[in-house]
C-alpha atoms as a PDB file:
ATOM      1  CA  MET A   1      -6.361  26.977   5.944  1.00  0.00           C
ATOM      2  CA  ASN A   2      -7.258  23.862   4.448  1.00  0.00           C
ATOM      3  CA  ASN A   3      -4.880  22.896   1.635  1.00  0.00           C
ATOM      4  CA  THR A   4      -6.249  19.508   0.617  1.00  0.00           C
ATOM      5  CA  HIS A   5      -8.691  18.205  -1.636  1.00  0.00           C
ATOM      6  CA  GLU A   6     -10.458  14.906  -1.251  1.00  0.00           C
ATOM      7  CA  TYR A   7     -12.342  12.972  -4.215  1.00  0.00           C
ATOM      8  CA  ARG A   8     -13.080   9.271  -4.964  1.00  0.00           C
ATOM      9  CA  THR A   9     -11.570   7.322  -7.702  1.00  0.00           C
ATOM     10  CA  THR A  10     -10.974   3.326  -8.445  1.00  0.00           C
ATOM     11  CA  LEU A  11      -8.063   1.464  -7.597  1.00  0.00           C
ATOM     12  CA  HIS A  12      -7.378   1.590 -11.383  1.00  0.00           C
ATOM     13  CA  HIS A  13      -6.326   5.411 -11.199  1.00  0.00           C
ATOM     14  CA  VAL A  14      -4.117   4.890  -8.090  1.00  0.00           C
ATOM     15  CA  LYS A  15      -0.343   5.762  -8.210  1.00  0.00           C
ATOM     16  CA  ALA A  16       2.755   5.833  -6.339  1.00  0.00           C
ATOM     17  CA  GLY A  17       2.801   9.031  -3.933  1.00  0.00           C
ATOM     18  CA  MET A  18      -0.691   9.218  -3.798  1.00  0.00           C
ATOM     19  CA  GLN A  19      -2.361   9.807  -0.248  1.00  0.00           C
ATOM     20  CA  VAL A  20      -5.151   7.703  -0.023  1.00  0.00           C
ATOM     21  CA  ILE A  21      -7.948   6.799   2.927  1.00  0.00           C
ATOM     22  CA  TYR A  22      -9.099   3.196   2.263  1.00  0.00           C
ATOM     23  CA  HIS A  23     -11.443   1.476   5.086  1.00  0.00           C
ATOM     24  CA  GLY A  24     -10.915   4.683   7.490  1.00  0.00           C
ATOM     25  CA  GLU A  25      -7.021   4.314   7.532  1.00  0.00           C
ATOM     26  CA  MET A  26      -5.103   7.201   5.716  1.00  0.00           C
ATOM     27  CA  MET A  27      -1.679   5.640   3.823  1.00  0.00           C
ATOM     28  CA  LYS A  28       0.513   6.699   1.434  1.00  0.00           C
ATOM     29  CA  ILE A  29       1.000   4.413  -1.751  1.00  0.00           C
ATOM     30  CA  ILE A  30       4.751   3.478  -2.449  1.00  0.00           C
ATOM     31  CA  GLY A  31       4.407   1.423  -5.471  1.00  0.00           C
ATOM     32  CA  LEU A  32       2.374  -1.258  -7.259  1.00  0.00           C
ATOM     33  CA  LYS A  33       3.209  -5.029  -5.966  1.00  0.00           C
ATOM     34  CA  GLU A  34       1.261  -6.855  -8.105  1.00  0.00           C
ATOM     35  CA  LYS A  35      -1.540  -6.586 -10.707  1.00  0.00           C
ATOM     36  CA  LYS A  36      -3.211 -10.026 -11.648  1.00  0.00           C
ATOM     37  CA  LEU A  37      -6.369 -11.042 -13.665  1.00  0.00           C
ATOM     38  CA  THR A  38      -8.626 -13.397 -11.665  1.00  0.00           C
ATOM     39  CA  ASN A  39     -12.220 -14.528 -12.722  1.00  0.00           C
ATOM     40  CA  LYS A  40     -13.342 -11.927 -10.347  1.00  0.00           C
ATOM     41  CA  GLY A  41     -11.614  -9.180 -12.202  1.00  0.00           C
ATOM     42  CA  LEU A  42      -8.348  -6.949 -11.926  1.00  0.00           C
ATOM     43  CA  ILE A  43      -6.718  -7.344  -8.717  1.00  0.00           C
ATOM     44  CA  TYR A  44      -4.229  -4.761  -7.515  1.00  0.00           C
ATOM     45  CA  GLN A  45      -1.927  -5.192  -4.670  1.00  0.00           C
ATOM     46  CA  PHE A  46      -0.108  -1.697  -3.825  1.00  0.00           C
ATOM     47  CA  TYR A  47       2.975  -1.275  -1.486  1.00  0.00           C
ATOM     48  CA  THR A  48       1.882   1.259   1.399  1.00  0.00           C
ATOM     49  CA  ASP A  49       3.405   2.832   4.538  1.00  0.00           C
ATOM     50  CA  GLY A  50       0.083   1.886   6.495  1.00  0.00           C
ATOM     51  CA  GLU A  51      -0.218  -0.617   9.213  1.00  0.00           C
ATOM     52  CA  ASN A  52      -0.410  -3.689   6.853  1.00  0.00           C
ATOM     53  CA  GLY A  53       2.170  -2.512   4.503  1.00  0.00           C
ATOM     54  CA  THR A  54       0.039  -3.278   1.625  1.00  0.00           C
ATOM     55  CA  LEU A  55      -3.168  -2.365   0.179  1.00  0.00           C
ATOM     56  CA  THR A  56      -5.464  -5.080  -1.962  1.00  0.00           C
ATOM     57  CA  GLY A  57      -8.474  -4.603  -3.983  1.00  0.00           C
ATOM     58  CA  ASN A  58     -10.510  -5.248  -6.939  1.00  0.00           C
ATOM     59  CA  GLY A  59      -9.658  -2.406  -9.773  1.00  0.00           C
ATOM     60  CA  GLY A  60     -13.230  -1.116  -9.842  1.00  0.00           C
ATOM     61  CA  ASN A  61     -13.180  -0.741  -5.734  1.00  0.00           C
ATOM     62  CA  LYS A  62     -13.582   3.101  -4.631  1.00  0.00           C
ATOM     63  CA  ILE A  63     -10.767   4.815  -2.631  1.00  0.00           C
ATOM     64  CA  THR A  64     -10.474   8.344  -1.420  1.00  0.00           C
ATOM     65  CA  VAL A  65      -7.688  10.080  -2.649  1.00  0.00           C
ATOM     66  CA  LEU A  66      -6.143  13.453  -0.898  1.00  0.00           C
ATOM     67  CA  GLU A  67      -4.646  16.000  -3.182  1.00  0.00           C
ATOM     68  CA  LYS A  68      -2.664  18.988  -2.054  1.00  0.00           C
ATOM     69  CA  ILE A  69      -3.939  22.452  -3.692  1.00  0.00           C
ATOM     70  CA  ASP A  70      -1.264  24.228  -5.159  1.00  0.00           C
ATOM     71  CA  ASP A  71      -1.737  27.671  -3.873  1.00  0.00           C
ATOM     72  CA  LEU A  72      -0.521  29.284  -7.382  1.00  0.00           C
ATOM     73  CA  HIS A  73      -3.198  27.166  -9.394  1.00  0.00           C
ATOM     74  CA  LYS A  74      -6.187  27.420  -6.961  1.00  0.00           C
ATOM     75  CA  ASN A  75      -6.607  31.385  -7.360  1.00  0.00           C
ATOM     76  CA  LYS A  76      -6.331  31.705 -10.846  1.00  0.00           C
ATOM     77  CA  SER A  77      -9.485  31.774 -13.098  1.00  0.00           C
ATOM     78  CA  GLY A  78     -10.287  31.218 -16.572  1.00  0.00           C
ATOM     79  CA  TYR A  79     -11.443  34.402 -17.357  1.00  0.00           C
ATOM     80  CA  VAL A  80      -9.327  37.375 -18.367  1.00  0.00           C
END
């Protein structure tokens, strides 16, 4: 049983501890290294456990986030 959910979001919404796929490489975000404003917009740099050790991109870039589904919550229904 696959207990992960994939969704796409921008780099603005990435936080420490998230498991992401960026340009085909799966990595875990350790923390924010730097956020700076340039003439092309906000540039984010994150520390990762991937090959490079960093992830750099424009804040509007799309990224795939892998999220574990909590077994307790996935079977709950909104109806009583």
